[in-house]
């Protein structure tokens, strides 16, 4: 293998080659050691006869049944025809069906008897006379839903003057209102205001009916 030249050396100088040294192995020493070892004695084996089976062993020996693997069981289950039920399962199914039929028949008879008893014991409804109050006719012949003596916008007379006098005693309802006996728009608004403030719900808004009359008379004196 060539080596790089030293710096400053002449390029014409021949490179040095590595030197290989071969040393032969000595095998004669190992052969001499093997000769000095004593020879080994051969190993022998002793032979003896095995005892035979006891008398009568062949007669008491029983042959084991063949082992059934999974494939044999699967093949036998496939060989059974479809729709064929073993006797035990067939008997159980027949008993279950019979019991269900008997129970259903008994329930039907029980419900039928109970329905007849209920129909016989139910009282017949009797007609009751109607006790609805008869409406009070007004001057025009029609019934007034607010009761007799109802006053509304357009009426006039001493009853309207009494209403105006009573409303003037309620604070902030009909202050300094007229008492001319005419049921005008101002009086209608005052009656509606009184109904709203004091929670009167039996009469129409602004109509002086029985409920409004009772409440106003209770507050202003009979």
N, C-alpha and C. Protein backbone atom coordinates (compact mmCIF):
# COMPACT_ATOMS: atom_id res chain seq x y z
N UNK A 1 0.86 -1.18 0.00
CA UNK A 1 0.00 0.00 0.00
C UNK A 1 0.90 1.23 0.00
N UNK A 2 0.77 2.12 -0.94
CA UNK A 2 1.63 3.31 -0.99
C UNK A 2 1.28 4.28 0.11
N UNK A 3 2.21 4.95 0.68
CA UNK A 3 2.02 5.94 1.75
C UNK A 3 2.25 7.32 1.19
N UNK A 4 1.60 8.30 1.74
CA UNK A 4 1.83 9.67 1.21
C UNK A 4 3.26 10.13 1.49
N UNK A 5 3.75 10.86 0.60
CA UNK A 5 5.14 11.35 0.72
C UNK A 5 5.23 12.46 1.73
N UNK A 6 6.36 12.58 2.39
CA UNK A 6 6.59 13.64 3.36
C UNK A 6 6.72 14.98 2.66
N UNK A 7 6.35 16.01 3.45
CA UNK A 7 6.47 17.34 2.88
C UNK A 7 7.95 17.68 2.65
N UNK A 8 8.21 18.24 1.58
CA UNK A 8 9.58 18.64 1.25
C UNK A 8 10.43 17.53 0.64
N UNK A 9 9.85 16.26 0.60
CA UNK A 9 10.64 15.15 0.03
C UNK A 9 10.54 15.18 -1.48
N UNK A 10 11.42 14.51 -2.06
CA UNK A 10 11.47 14.47 -3.51
C UNK A 10 10.38 13.57 -4.03
N UNK A 11 9.69 13.98 -5.05
CA UNK A 11 8.60 13.10 -5.57
C UNK A 11 9.12 11.84 -6.22
N UNK A 12 10.42 11.73 -6.49
CA UNK A 12 10.95 10.54 -7.16
C UNK A 12 11.29 9.45 -6.19
N UNK A 13 11.10 9.66 -4.84
CA UNK A 13 11.48 8.66 -3.84
C UNK A 13 10.50 7.51 -3.87
N UNK A 14 10.95 6.27 -3.75
CA UNK A 14 10.11 5.07 -3.80
C UNK A 14 9.44 4.86 -2.44
N UNK A 15 8.09 4.64 -2.38
CA UNK A 15 7.41 4.44 -1.08
C UNK A 15 7.75 3.10 -0.48
N UNK A 16 7.69 3.01 0.86
CA UNK A 16 8.00 1.78 1.57
C UNK A 16 6.80 0.85 1.56
N UNK A 17 6.97 -0.43 1.43
CA UNK A 17 5.93 -1.44 1.44
C UNK A 17 5.91 -2.12 2.81
N UNK A 18 4.75 -2.50 3.35
CA UNK A 18 4.69 -3.20 4.66
C UNK A 18 5.29 -4.59 4.56
N UNK A 19 5.83 -5.08 5.70
CA UNK A 19 6.49 -6.38 5.73
C UNK A 19 5.59 -7.35 6.48
N UNK A 20 5.28 -8.49 5.91
CA UNK A 20 4.45 -9.51 6.52
C UNK A 20 5.34 -10.66 6.99
N UNK A 21 5.15 -11.11 8.28
CA UNK A 21 5.94 -12.17 8.87
C UNK A 21 5.03 -13.37 9.08
N UNK A 22 5.34 -14.53 8.53
CA UNK A 22 4.56 -15.75 8.65
C UNK A 22 5.24 -16.68 9.64
N UNK A 23 4.49 -17.14 10.65
CA UNK A 23 5.02 -18.04 11.67
C UNK A 23 4.27 -19.35 11.57
N UNK A 24 4.93 -20.44 11.28
CA UNK A 24 4.24 -21.75 11.17
C UNK A 24 3.82 -22.26 12.55
N UNK A 25 2.65 -22.93 12.60
CA UNK A 25 2.13 -23.50 13.83
C UNK A 25 2.73 -24.89 14.05
N UNK A 26 3.00 -25.18 15.30
CA UNK A 26 3.58 -26.48 15.64
C UNK A 26 2.46 -27.38 16.16
N UNK A 27 2.18 -28.44 15.45
CA UNK A 27 1.14 -29.41 15.83
C UNK A 27 1.74 -30.68 16.40
N UNK A 28 3.02 -30.82 16.36
CA UNK A 28 3.62 -32.03 16.86
C UNK A 28 3.58 -32.09 18.39
N UNK A 29 3.52 -30.92 19.06
CA UNK A 29 3.46 -30.94 20.52
C UNK A 29 2.14 -31.51 21.00
N UNK A 30 1.00 -31.16 20.32
CA UNK A 30 -0.30 -31.72 20.68
C UNK A 30 -0.34 -33.22 20.45
N UNK A 31 0.33 -33.70 19.38
CA UNK A 31 0.34 -35.13 19.11
C UNK A 31 1.13 -35.87 20.17
N UNK A 32 2.19 -35.27 20.67
CA UNK A 32 2.97 -35.91 21.71
C UNK A 32 2.20 -36.01 23.01
N UNK A 33 1.41 -34.99 23.33
CA UNK A 33 0.58 -35.05 24.54
C UNK A 33 -0.46 -36.15 24.44
N UNK A 34 -1.05 -36.34 23.29
CA UNK A 34 -2.06 -37.38 23.12
C UNK A 34 -1.45 -38.77 23.27
N UNK A 35 -0.20 -38.91 22.90
CA UNK A 35 0.43 -40.21 23.03
C UNK A 35 0.68 -40.57 24.49
N UNK A 36 0.95 -39.55 25.34
CA UNK A 36 1.24 -39.81 26.73
C UNK A 36 -0.01 -40.18 27.55
N UNK A 37 -1.25 -39.94 27.08
CA UNK A 37 -2.48 -40.24 27.82
C UNK A 37 -2.73 -41.73 27.81
N UNK A 38 -3.12 -42.36 28.98
CA UNK A 38 -3.38 -43.81 29.02
C UNK A 38 -4.64 -44.14 28.23
N UNK A 39 -4.73 -45.30 27.66
CA UNK A 39 -5.93 -45.69 26.88
C UNK A 39 -7.12 -45.91 27.81
N UNK A 40 -8.34 -45.55 27.36
CA UNK A 40 -9.58 -45.68 28.12
C UNK A 40 -10.18 -47.05 27.91
N UNK A 41 -10.69 -47.64 29.03
CA UNK A 41 -11.27 -48.98 28.94
C UNK A 41 -12.65 -48.88 28.28
N UNK A 42 -13.02 -49.82 27.46
CA UNK A 42 -14.34 -49.77 26.81
C UNK A 42 -15.46 -49.98 27.83
N UNK A 43 -16.57 -49.27 27.64
CA UNK A 43 -17.73 -49.34 28.53
C UNK A 43 -18.63 -50.47 28.04
N UNK A 44 -18.99 -51.39 28.94
CA UNK A 44 -19.85 -52.51 28.59
C UNK A 44 -21.22 -52.38 29.22
N UNK A 45 -22.22 -53.04 28.68
CA UNK A 45 -23.60 -53.01 29.16
C UNK A 45 -24.01 -54.42 29.51
N UNK A 46 -24.69 -54.56 30.64
CA UNK A 46 -25.14 -55.86 31.10
C UNK A 46 -26.56 -56.11 30.58
N UNK A 47 -26.83 -57.25 30.08
CA UNK A 47 -28.15 -57.58 29.52
C UNK A 47 -28.87 -58.51 30.48
N UNK A 48 -30.20 -58.31 30.64
CA UNK A 48 -31.00 -59.18 31.50
C UNK A 48 -32.38 -59.29 30.85
N UNK A 49 -33.11 -60.35 31.21
CA UNK A 49 -34.42 -60.64 30.60
C UNK A 49 -35.53 -59.95 31.37
N UNK A 50 -36.52 -59.35 30.65
CA UNK A 50 -37.67 -58.68 31.26
C UNK A 50 -38.70 -59.70 31.72
N UNK A 51 -39.39 -59.42 32.84
CA UNK A 51 -40.41 -60.37 33.30
C UNK A 51 -41.64 -60.35 32.39
N UNK A 52 -42.29 -61.47 32.18
CA UNK A 52 -43.46 -61.58 31.33
C UNK A 52 -44.72 -61.14 32.05
N UNK A 53 -45.84 -60.99 31.36
CA UNK A 53 -47.12 -60.58 31.97
C UNK A 53 -47.63 -61.66 32.90
N UNK A 54 -48.36 -61.29 33.95
CA UNK A 54 -48.90 -62.30 34.87
C UNK A 54 -49.97 -63.15 34.19
N UNK A 55 -50.27 -64.24 34.79
CA UNK A 55 -51.26 -65.16 34.21
C UNK A 55 -52.67 -64.55 34.34
N UNK A 56 -53.46 -64.68 33.30
CA UNK A 56 -54.82 -64.14 33.29
C UNK A 56 -54.92 -62.66 32.98
N UNK A 57 -53.81 -62.03 32.61
CA UNK A 57 -53.85 -60.59 32.33
C UNK A 57 -54.60 -60.31 31.05
N UNK A 58 -54.50 -61.21 30.08
CA UNK A 58 -55.18 -60.98 28.81
C UNK A 58 -56.70 -61.08 28.96
N UNK A 59 -57.17 -61.99 29.87
CA UNK A 59 -58.61 -62.13 30.03
C UNK A 59 -59.22 -60.91 30.75
N UNK A 60 -58.51 -60.31 31.70
CA UNK A 60 -59.05 -59.15 32.45
C UNK A 60 -58.89 -57.84 31.69
N UNK A 61 -58.19 -57.86 30.60
CA UNK A 61 -58.01 -56.62 29.83
C UNK A 61 -59.28 -56.32 29.04
N UNK A 62 -59.78 -55.09 29.14
CA UNK A 62 -60.99 -54.67 28.42
C UNK A 62 -60.60 -53.62 27.39
N UNK A 63 -61.28 -53.70 26.30
CA UNK A 63 -61.01 -52.75 25.21
C UNK A 63 -61.77 -51.45 25.47
N UNK A 64 -61.07 -50.34 25.40
CA UNK A 64 -61.69 -49.03 25.62
C UNK A 64 -62.56 -48.63 24.42
N UNK A 65 -63.67 -47.91 24.68
CA UNK A 65 -64.52 -47.48 23.55
C UNK A 65 -63.81 -46.43 22.73
N UNK A 66 -64.15 -46.34 21.49
CA UNK A 66 -63.49 -45.33 20.63
C UNK A 66 -63.86 -43.93 21.08
N UNK A 67 -62.91 -43.02 20.95
CA UNK A 67 -63.09 -41.63 21.33
C UNK A 67 -63.82 -40.90 20.20
N UNK A 68 -64.90 -40.21 20.58
CA UNK A 68 -65.69 -39.46 19.59
C UNK A 68 -65.20 -38.01 19.57
N UNK A 69 -64.80 -37.59 18.47
CA UNK A 69 -64.32 -36.21 18.36
C UNK A 69 -65.48 -35.28 17.97
N UNK A 70 -65.15 -34.04 17.82
CA UNK A 70 -66.16 -33.02 17.53
C UNK A 70 -66.79 -33.24 16.16
N UNK A 71 -66.01 -33.73 15.22
CA UNK A 71 -66.54 -33.92 13.87
C UNK A 71 -67.59 -35.02 13.85
N UNK A 72 -67.39 -36.06 14.67
CA UNK A 72 -68.38 -37.16 14.71
C UNK A 72 -69.70 -36.66 15.29
N UNK A 73 -69.62 -35.85 16.38
CA UNK A 73 -70.86 -35.33 16.97
C UNK A 73 -71.59 -34.39 16.02
N UNK A 74 -70.84 -33.56 15.31
CA UNK A 74 -71.47 -32.65 14.35
C UNK A 74 -72.12 -33.41 13.21
N UNK A 75 -71.43 -34.48 12.75
CA UNK A 75 -71.99 -35.27 11.66
C UNK A 75 -73.25 -36.01 12.09
N UNK A 76 -73.30 -36.49 13.35
CA UNK A 76 -74.48 -37.18 13.84
C UNK A 76 -75.65 -36.23 14.02
N UNK A 77 -75.35 -34.97 14.49
CA UNK A 77 -76.44 -34.00 14.64
C UNK A 77 -77.01 -33.59 13.29
N UNK A 78 -76.15 -33.59 12.26
CA UNK A 78 -76.66 -33.26 10.92
C UNK A 78 -77.49 -34.39 10.34
N UNK A 79 -77.22 -35.62 10.76
CA UNK A 79 -77.97 -36.76 10.22
C UNK A 79 -79.38 -36.83 10.76
N UNK A 80 -79.70 -36.11 11.90
CA UNK A 80 -81.05 -36.16 12.46
C UNK A 80 -81.98 -35.37 11.54
N UNK A 81 -83.06 -35.91 11.09
CA UNK A 81 -83.97 -35.18 10.19
C UNK A 81 -84.62 -34.01 10.89
N UNK A 82 -84.87 -32.93 10.13
CA UNK A 82 -85.49 -31.74 10.68
C UNK A 82 -86.95 -32.01 10.99
N UNK A 83 -87.45 -31.28 12.03
CA UNK A 83 -88.84 -31.43 12.43
C UNK A 83 -89.09 -32.59 13.37
N UNK A 84 -88.07 -33.32 13.71
CA UNK A 84 -88.23 -34.45 14.60
C UNK A 84 -87.78 -34.04 15.99
N UNK A 85 -88.68 -34.01 16.94
CA UNK A 85 -88.40 -33.58 18.31
C UNK A 85 -88.34 -34.81 19.20
N UNK A 86 -87.39 -34.88 20.09
CA UNK A 86 -87.35 -36.02 21.02
C UNK A 86 -88.61 -36.09 21.86
N UNK A 87 -88.84 -37.24 22.46
CA UNK A 87 -90.08 -37.47 23.20
C UNK A 87 -90.25 -36.55 24.40
N UNK A 88 -89.18 -36.28 25.13
CA UNK A 88 -89.29 -35.45 26.32
C UNK A 88 -89.66 -34.02 25.97
N UNK A 89 -89.03 -33.47 24.97
CA UNK A 89 -89.34 -32.11 24.57
C UNK A 89 -90.74 -32.02 23.99
N UNK A 90 -91.16 -33.03 23.26
CA UNK A 90 -92.51 -33.02 22.70
C UNK A 90 -93.55 -33.03 23.80
N UNK A 91 -93.31 -33.81 24.84
CA UNK A 91 -94.27 -33.86 25.96
C UNK A 91 -94.33 -32.53 26.69
N UNK A 92 -93.17 -31.89 26.91
CA UNK A 92 -93.16 -30.61 27.60
C UNK A 92 -93.90 -29.54 26.81
N UNK A 93 -93.73 -29.54 25.50
CA UNK A 93 -94.42 -28.54 24.67
C UNK A 93 -95.92 -28.77 24.70
N UNK A 94 -96.34 -30.03 24.64
CA UNK A 94 -97.77 -30.32 24.67
C UNK A 94 -98.39 -29.88 26.00
N UNK A 95 -97.69 -30.12 27.11
CA UNK A 95 -98.21 -29.71 28.43
C UNK A 95 -98.32 -28.20 28.52
N UNK A 96 -97.32 -27.48 28.01
CA UNK A 96 -97.35 -26.02 28.07
C UNK A 96 -98.50 -25.44 27.25
N UNK A 97 -98.73 -26.00 26.07
CA UNK A 97 -99.82 -25.51 25.22
C UNK A 97 -101.17 -25.77 25.88
N UNK A 98 -101.34 -26.95 26.47
CA UNK A 98 -102.61 -27.28 27.13
C UNK A 98 -102.86 -26.36 28.33
N UNK A 99 -101.82 -26.09 29.12
CA UNK A 99 -101.99 -25.22 30.28
C UNK A 99 -102.35 -23.79 29.84
N UNK A 100 -101.72 -23.30 28.78
CA UNK A 100 -102.05 -21.95 28.30
C UNK A 100 -103.49 -21.88 27.82
N UNK A 101 -103.96 -22.93 27.15
CA UNK A 101 -105.35 -22.93 26.68
C UNK A 101 -106.34 -22.94 27.85
N UNK A 102 -106.05 -23.72 28.87
CA UNK A 102 -106.95 -23.78 30.03
C UNK A 102 -106.99 -22.44 30.77
N UNK A 103 -105.84 -21.83 30.93
CA UNK A 103 -105.79 -20.53 31.62
C UNK A 103 -106.55 -19.47 30.84
N UNK A 104 -106.35 -19.43 29.52
CA UNK A 104 -107.07 -18.45 28.71
C UNK A 104 -108.57 -18.64 28.75
N UNK A 105 -109.02 -19.89 28.71
CA UNK A 105 -110.46 -20.15 28.79
C UNK A 105 -111.04 -19.72 30.13
N UNK A 106 -110.31 -19.99 31.22
CA UNK A 106 -110.79 -19.59 32.54
C UNK A 106 -110.85 -18.07 32.68
N UNK A 107 -109.86 -17.36 32.14
CA UNK A 107 -109.89 -15.89 32.21
C UNK A 107 -111.06 -15.32 31.42
N UNK A 108 -111.36 -15.93 30.28
CA UNK A 108 -112.49 -15.45 29.48
C UNK A 108 -113.80 -15.63 30.23
N UNK A 109 -114.00 -16.77 30.88
CA UNK A 109 -115.22 -16.99 31.65
C UNK A 109 -115.32 -16.01 32.82
N UNK A 110 -114.20 -15.75 33.49
CA UNK A 110 -114.21 -14.84 34.63
C UNK A 110 -114.56 -13.42 34.21
N UNK A 111 -113.99 -12.95 33.10
CA UNK A 111 -114.30 -11.61 32.63
C UNK A 111 -115.73 -11.48 32.17
N UNK A 112 -116.26 -12.53 31.53
CA UNK A 112 -117.65 -12.48 31.08
C UNK A 112 -118.60 -12.41 32.27
N UNK A 113 -118.38 -13.21 33.32
CA UNK A 113 -119.24 -13.17 34.50
C UNK A 113 -119.15 -11.85 35.23
N UNK A 114 -117.95 -11.26 35.30
CA UNK A 114 -117.81 -9.97 35.96
C UNK A 114 -118.52 -8.87 35.20
N UNK A 115 -118.48 -8.93 33.85
CA UNK A 115 -119.18 -7.92 33.06
C UNK A 115 -120.69 -7.99 33.24
N UNK A 116 -121.25 -9.21 33.34
CA UNK A 116 -122.68 -9.34 33.55
C UNK A 116 -123.09 -8.80 34.92
N UNK A 117 -122.29 -9.08 35.95
CA UNK A 117 -122.62 -8.57 37.29
C UNK A 117 -122.55 -7.05 37.34
N UNK A 118 -121.58 -6.47 36.65
CA UNK A 118 -121.46 -5.01 36.64
C UNK A 118 -122.64 -4.36 35.93
N UNK A 119 -123.05 -4.97 34.81
CA UNK A 119 -124.19 -4.42 34.07
C UNK A 119 -125.47 -4.53 34.89
N UNK A 120 -125.63 -5.62 35.66
CA UNK A 120 -126.84 -5.78 36.45
C UNK A 120 -126.86 -4.83 37.65
N UNK A 121 -125.69 -4.56 38.22
CA UNK A 121 -125.64 -3.71 39.41
C UNK A 121 -125.64 -2.23 39.10
N UNK A 122 -125.37 -1.84 37.84
CA UNK A 122 -125.31 -0.42 37.50
C UNK A 122 -126.70 0.19 37.56
N UNK A 123 -126.92 1.26 38.31
CA UNK A 123 -128.26 1.88 38.38
C UNK A 123 -128.56 2.65 37.12
N UNK A 124 -129.79 2.66 36.80
CA UNK A 124 -130.22 3.41 35.63
C UNK A 124 -130.32 4.89 35.98
N UNK A 125 -129.83 5.75 35.11
CA UNK A 125 -129.91 7.19 35.42
C UNK A 125 -131.34 7.68 35.34
N UNK A 126 -131.69 8.51 36.30
CA UNK A 126 -133.03 9.08 36.34
C UNK A 126 -132.96 10.55 35.96
N UNK A 127 -133.97 10.98 35.30
CA UNK A 127 -134.01 12.37 34.83
C UNK A 127 -134.32 13.28 36.01
N UNK A 128 -133.50 14.28 36.21
CA UNK A 128 -133.70 15.25 37.30
C UNK A 128 -134.23 16.54 36.72
N UNK A 129 -135.11 17.15 37.41
CA UNK A 129 -135.66 18.41 36.89
C UNK A 129 -134.62 19.51 36.93
N UNK A 130 -134.65 20.36 35.97
CA UNK A 130 -133.70 21.46 35.87
C UNK A 130 -134.07 22.55 36.87
N UNK A 131 -133.02 23.02 37.57
CA UNK A 131 -133.24 24.07 38.58
C UNK A 131 -132.52 25.35 38.20
N UNK A 132 -132.34 25.56 36.89
CA UNK A 132 -131.65 26.77 36.45
C UNK A 132 -132.50 27.99 36.76
N UNK A 133 -131.87 29.07 37.26
CA UNK A 133 -132.66 30.27 37.58
C UNK A 133 -133.20 30.91 36.32
N UNK A 134 -134.38 31.38 36.43
CA UNK A 134 -135.02 32.05 35.30
C UNK A 134 -134.53 33.47 35.22
N UNK A 135 -134.11 33.93 34.05
CA UNK A 135 -133.61 35.31 33.92
C UNK A 135 -134.73 36.31 34.14
N UNK A 136 -134.34 37.48 34.63
CA UNK A 136 -135.30 38.54 34.93
C UNK A 136 -135.56 39.36 33.68
N UNK A 137 -136.79 39.51 33.25
CA UNK A 137 -137.06 40.31 32.06
C UNK A 137 -136.87 41.79 32.33
N UNK A 138 -136.43 42.54 31.34
CA UNK A 138 -136.24 43.99 31.43
C UNK A 138 -137.47 44.70 30.90
N UNK A 139 -137.40 46.04 30.88
CA UNK A 139 -138.55 46.81 30.41
C UNK A 139 -138.85 46.57 28.95
N UNK A 140 -137.82 46.26 28.16
CA UNK A 140 -138.03 45.99 26.74
C UNK A 140 -138.47 44.58 26.47
N UNK A 141 -138.57 43.72 27.49
CA UNK A 141 -138.99 42.34 27.32
C UNK A 141 -137.86 41.36 27.21
N UNK A 142 -136.59 41.81 27.02
CA UNK A 142 -135.43 40.92 26.92
C UNK A 142 -134.81 40.73 28.29
N UNK A 143 -134.10 39.62 28.48
CA UNK A 143 -133.45 39.31 29.75
C UNK A 143 -132.13 40.06 29.84
N UNK A 144 -131.82 40.58 31.04
CA UNK A 144 -130.58 41.32 31.27
C UNK A 144 -129.62 40.43 32.04
N UNK A 145 -128.41 40.13 31.50
CA UNK A 145 -127.47 39.24 32.21
C UNK A 145 -126.92 39.86 33.48
N UNK A 146 -126.99 41.17 33.65
CA UNK A 146 -126.45 41.83 34.83
C UNK A 146 -127.47 41.95 35.96
N UNK A 147 -128.68 41.44 35.79
CA UNK A 147 -129.69 41.46 36.84
C UNK A 147 -130.69 42.58 36.67
N UNK A 148 -131.70 42.55 37.55
CA UNK A 148 -132.75 43.58 37.51
C UNK A 148 -132.23 44.91 38.04
N UNK A 149 -132.80 46.01 37.52
CA UNK A 149 -132.38 47.34 37.95
C UNK A 149 -131.04 47.77 37.42
N UNK A 150 -130.59 47.16 36.31
CA UNK A 150 -129.29 47.51 35.74
C UNK A 150 -129.38 48.86 35.03
N UNK A 151 -128.35 49.67 35.23
CA UNK A 151 -128.25 50.97 34.58
C UNK A 151 -127.03 50.97 33.67
N UNK A 152 -127.18 51.57 32.49
CA UNK A 152 -126.08 51.66 31.53
C UNK A 152 -126.18 52.98 30.79
N UNK A 153 -125.20 53.20 29.93
CA UNK A 153 -125.13 54.48 29.21
C UNK A 153 -126.40 54.69 28.38
N UNK A 154 -126.99 55.92 28.53
CA UNK A 154 -128.23 56.27 27.83
C UNK A 154 -129.44 56.33 28.75
N UNK A 155 -129.33 55.73 29.96
CA UNK A 155 -130.45 55.79 30.91
C UNK A 155 -130.45 57.14 31.63
N UNK A 156 -131.60 57.45 32.25
CA UNK A 156 -131.75 58.70 33.02
C UNK A 156 -132.84 58.50 34.06
N UNK A 157 -132.80 59.38 35.09
CA UNK A 157 -133.80 59.31 36.12
C UNK A 157 -133.20 59.44 37.50
N UNK A 158 -134.05 59.31 38.53
CA UNK A 158 -133.55 59.46 39.92
C UNK A 158 -132.56 58.37 40.32
N UNK A 159 -132.66 57.16 39.75
CA UNK A 159 -131.71 56.10 40.10
C UNK A 159 -130.31 56.46 39.60
N UNK A 160 -130.24 57.12 38.44
CA UNK A 160 -128.93 57.55 37.94
C UNK A 160 -128.36 58.64 38.83
N UNK A 161 -129.24 59.55 39.33
CA UNK A 161 -128.76 60.59 40.24
C UNK A 161 -128.23 59.99 41.54
N UNK A 162 -128.89 58.94 42.04
CA UNK A 162 -128.40 58.28 43.25
C UNK A 162 -127.04 57.64 43.01
N UNK A 163 -126.85 57.05 41.83
CA UNK A 163 -125.55 56.45 41.48
C UNK A 163 -124.48 57.53 41.45
N UNK A 164 -124.78 58.70 40.86
CA UNK A 164 -123.79 59.77 40.79
C UNK A 164 -123.41 60.28 42.19
N UNK A 165 -124.40 60.41 43.07
CA UNK A 165 -124.12 60.86 44.44
C UNK A 165 -123.23 59.88 45.19
N UNK A 166 -123.47 58.60 45.00
CA UNK A 166 -122.66 57.59 45.71
C UNK A 166 -121.22 57.55 45.18
N UNK A 167 -121.08 57.66 43.85
CA UNK A 167 -119.72 57.63 43.28
C UNK A 167 -118.89 58.83 43.72
N UNK A 168 -119.52 59.98 44.04
CA UNK A 168 -118.77 61.15 44.48
C UNK A 168 -118.18 60.97 45.86
N UNK A 169 -118.70 59.95 46.61
CA UNK A 169 -118.12 59.67 47.94
C UNK A 169 -116.91 58.73 47.86
N UNK A 170 -116.65 58.13 46.69
CA UNK A 170 -115.48 57.25 46.51
C UNK A 170 -114.32 58.12 46.05
N UNK A 171 -113.18 58.11 46.73
CA UNK A 171 -112.06 58.99 46.37
C UNK A 171 -111.53 58.69 44.97
N UNK A 172 -111.33 59.77 44.19
CA UNK A 172 -110.67 59.73 42.89
C UNK A 172 -111.43 58.90 41.84
N UNK A 173 -112.72 58.67 42.03
CA UNK A 173 -113.50 57.91 41.06
C UNK A 173 -114.40 58.85 40.24
N UNK A 174 -115.15 59.73 40.93
CA UNK A 174 -116.09 60.62 40.24
C UNK A 174 -116.08 61.97 40.93
N UNK A 175 -114.86 62.52 41.11
CA UNK A 175 -114.71 63.78 41.84
C UNK A 175 -115.38 64.92 41.06
N UNK A 176 -116.24 65.69 41.79
CA UNK A 176 -116.92 66.87 41.21
C UNK A 176 -117.73 66.50 39.97
N UNK A 177 -118.25 65.26 39.95
CA UNK A 177 -119.05 64.85 38.81
C UNK A 177 -120.46 65.41 38.87
N UNK A 178 -121.15 65.41 37.72
CA UNK A 178 -122.50 65.95 37.62
C UNK A 178 -123.50 64.99 38.26
N UNK A 179 -124.58 65.55 38.81
CA UNK A 179 -125.66 64.76 39.40
C UNK A 179 -126.99 65.08 38.72
N UNK A 180 -126.94 65.29 37.38
CA UNK A 180 -128.12 65.66 36.63
C UNK A 180 -129.02 64.47 36.31
N UNK A 181 -128.64 63.25 36.67
CA UNK A 181 -129.47 62.08 36.41
C UNK A 181 -129.35 61.53 35.01
N UNK A 182 -128.26 61.84 34.30
CA UNK A 182 -128.04 61.35 32.93
C UNK A 182 -126.82 60.41 32.93
N UNK A 183 -127.01 59.20 32.40
CA UNK A 183 -125.93 58.18 32.33
C UNK A 183 -125.14 58.44 31.05
N UNK A 184 -124.15 59.36 31.15
CA UNK A 184 -123.37 59.75 29.98
C UNK A 184 -122.03 59.00 29.95
N UNK A 185 -121.14 59.44 29.06
CA UNK A 185 -119.83 58.77 28.90
C UNK A 185 -118.97 58.96 30.13
N UNK A 186 -119.04 60.15 30.77
CA UNK A 186 -118.23 60.38 31.97
C UNK A 186 -118.64 59.46 33.10
N UNK A 187 -119.93 59.25 33.26
CA UNK A 187 -120.40 58.35 34.31
C UNK A 187 -120.03 56.90 33.99
N UNK A 188 -120.08 56.53 32.72
CA UNK A 188 -119.69 55.16 32.33
C UNK A 188 -118.22 54.90 32.67
N UNK A 189 -117.35 55.87 32.39
CA UNK A 189 -115.93 55.71 32.71
C UNK A 189 -115.71 55.64 34.22
N UNK A 190 -116.50 56.41 35.00
CA UNK A 190 -116.36 56.37 36.46
C UNK A 190 -116.78 55.01 37.01
N UNK A 191 -117.87 54.44 36.48
CA UNK A 191 -118.31 53.12 36.94
C UNK A 191 -117.27 52.06 36.58
N UNK A 192 -116.71 52.12 35.38
CA UNK A 192 -115.68 51.15 34.98
C UNK A 192 -114.43 51.29 35.85
N UNK A 193 -114.09 52.53 36.22
CA UNK A 193 -112.92 52.74 37.08
C UNK A 193 -113.16 52.16 38.47
N UNK A 194 -114.36 52.34 38.97
CA UNK A 194 -114.70 51.77 40.28
C UNK A 194 -114.64 50.23 40.24
N UNK A 195 -115.15 49.63 39.18
CA UNK A 195 -115.11 48.17 39.05
C UNK A 195 -113.67 47.65 38.98
N UNK A 196 -112.82 48.35 38.28
CA UNK A 196 -111.42 47.92 38.12
C UNK A 196 -110.66 48.05 39.43
N UNK A 197 -110.82 49.17 40.15
CA UNK A 197 -110.04 49.40 41.36
C UNK A 197 -110.46 48.48 42.50
N UNK A 198 -111.71 48.11 42.56
CA UNK A 198 -112.20 47.31 43.68
C UNK A 198 -112.48 45.86 43.29
N UNK A 199 -112.03 45.43 42.12
CA UNK A 199 -112.07 44.02 41.73
C UNK A 199 -113.46 43.46 41.55
N UNK A 200 -114.37 44.20 40.92
CA UNK A 200 -115.74 43.71 40.67
C UNK A 200 -115.76 43.08 39.28
N UNK A 201 -116.12 41.79 39.21
CA UNK A 201 -116.07 41.07 37.94
C UNK A 201 -117.44 40.55 37.49
N UNK A 202 -118.52 40.78 38.25
CA UNK A 202 -119.81 40.19 37.88
C UNK A 202 -120.56 40.93 36.81
N UNK A 203 -120.26 42.22 36.60
CA UNK A 203 -120.99 43.03 35.62
C UNK A 203 -120.08 43.44 34.48
N UNK A 204 -120.70 43.92 33.40
CA UNK A 204 -119.92 44.41 32.28
C UNK A 204 -119.22 45.71 32.67
N UNK A 205 -118.14 46.03 31.93
CA UNK A 205 -117.38 47.25 32.23
C UNK A 205 -118.26 48.48 31.96
N UNK A 206 -118.38 49.31 32.99
CA UNK A 206 -119.15 50.56 32.86
C UNK A 206 -120.65 50.37 33.02
N UNK A 207 -121.12 49.17 33.37
CA UNK A 207 -122.54 48.90 33.55
C UNK A 207 -122.81 48.76 35.04
N UNK A 208 -123.82 49.45 35.52
CA UNK A 208 -124.16 49.44 36.94
C UNK A 208 -125.17 48.31 37.18
N UNK A 209 -124.61 47.07 37.43
CA UNK A 209 -125.44 45.89 37.65
C UNK A 209 -125.56 45.56 39.12
N UNK A 210 -126.06 44.33 39.40
CA UNK A 210 -126.33 43.93 40.78
C UNK A 210 -125.04 43.85 41.59
N UNK A 211 -123.99 43.25 41.03
CA UNK A 211 -122.74 43.12 41.78
C UNK A 211 -122.13 44.48 42.09
N UNK A 212 -122.12 45.38 41.10
CA UNK A 212 -121.57 46.72 41.33
C UNK A 212 -122.43 47.49 42.33
N UNK A 213 -123.75 47.32 42.25
CA UNK A 213 -124.65 48.02 43.17
C UNK A 213 -124.40 47.59 44.61
N UNK A 214 -124.29 46.26 44.85
CA UNK A 214 -124.08 45.77 46.23
C UNK A 214 -122.77 46.28 46.80
N UNK A 215 -121.72 46.29 45.99
CA UNK A 215 -120.43 46.74 46.49
C UNK A 215 -120.45 48.24 46.77
N UNK A 216 -121.06 49.03 45.88
CA UNK A 216 -121.08 50.47 46.08
C UNK A 216 -121.96 50.86 47.28
N UNK A 217 -123.09 50.19 47.44
CA UNK A 217 -123.95 50.50 48.58
C UNK A 217 -123.32 50.11 49.91
N UNK A 218 -122.51 49.00 49.91
CA UNK A 218 -121.84 48.60 51.13
C UNK A 218 -120.77 49.60 51.55
N UNK A 219 -120.21 50.36 50.59
CA UNK A 219 -119.16 51.32 50.89
C UNK A 219 -119.73 52.71 51.18
N UNK A 220 -120.91 53.00 50.69
CA UNK A 220 -121.50 54.32 50.88
C UNK A 220 -122.73 54.31 51.79
N UNK A 221 -123.11 53.17 52.32
CA UNK A 221 -124.26 53.10 53.20
C UNK A 221 -125.53 52.75 52.45
N UNK A 222 -126.41 51.96 53.10
CA UNK A 222 -127.65 51.51 52.46
C UNK A 222 -128.64 52.64 52.30
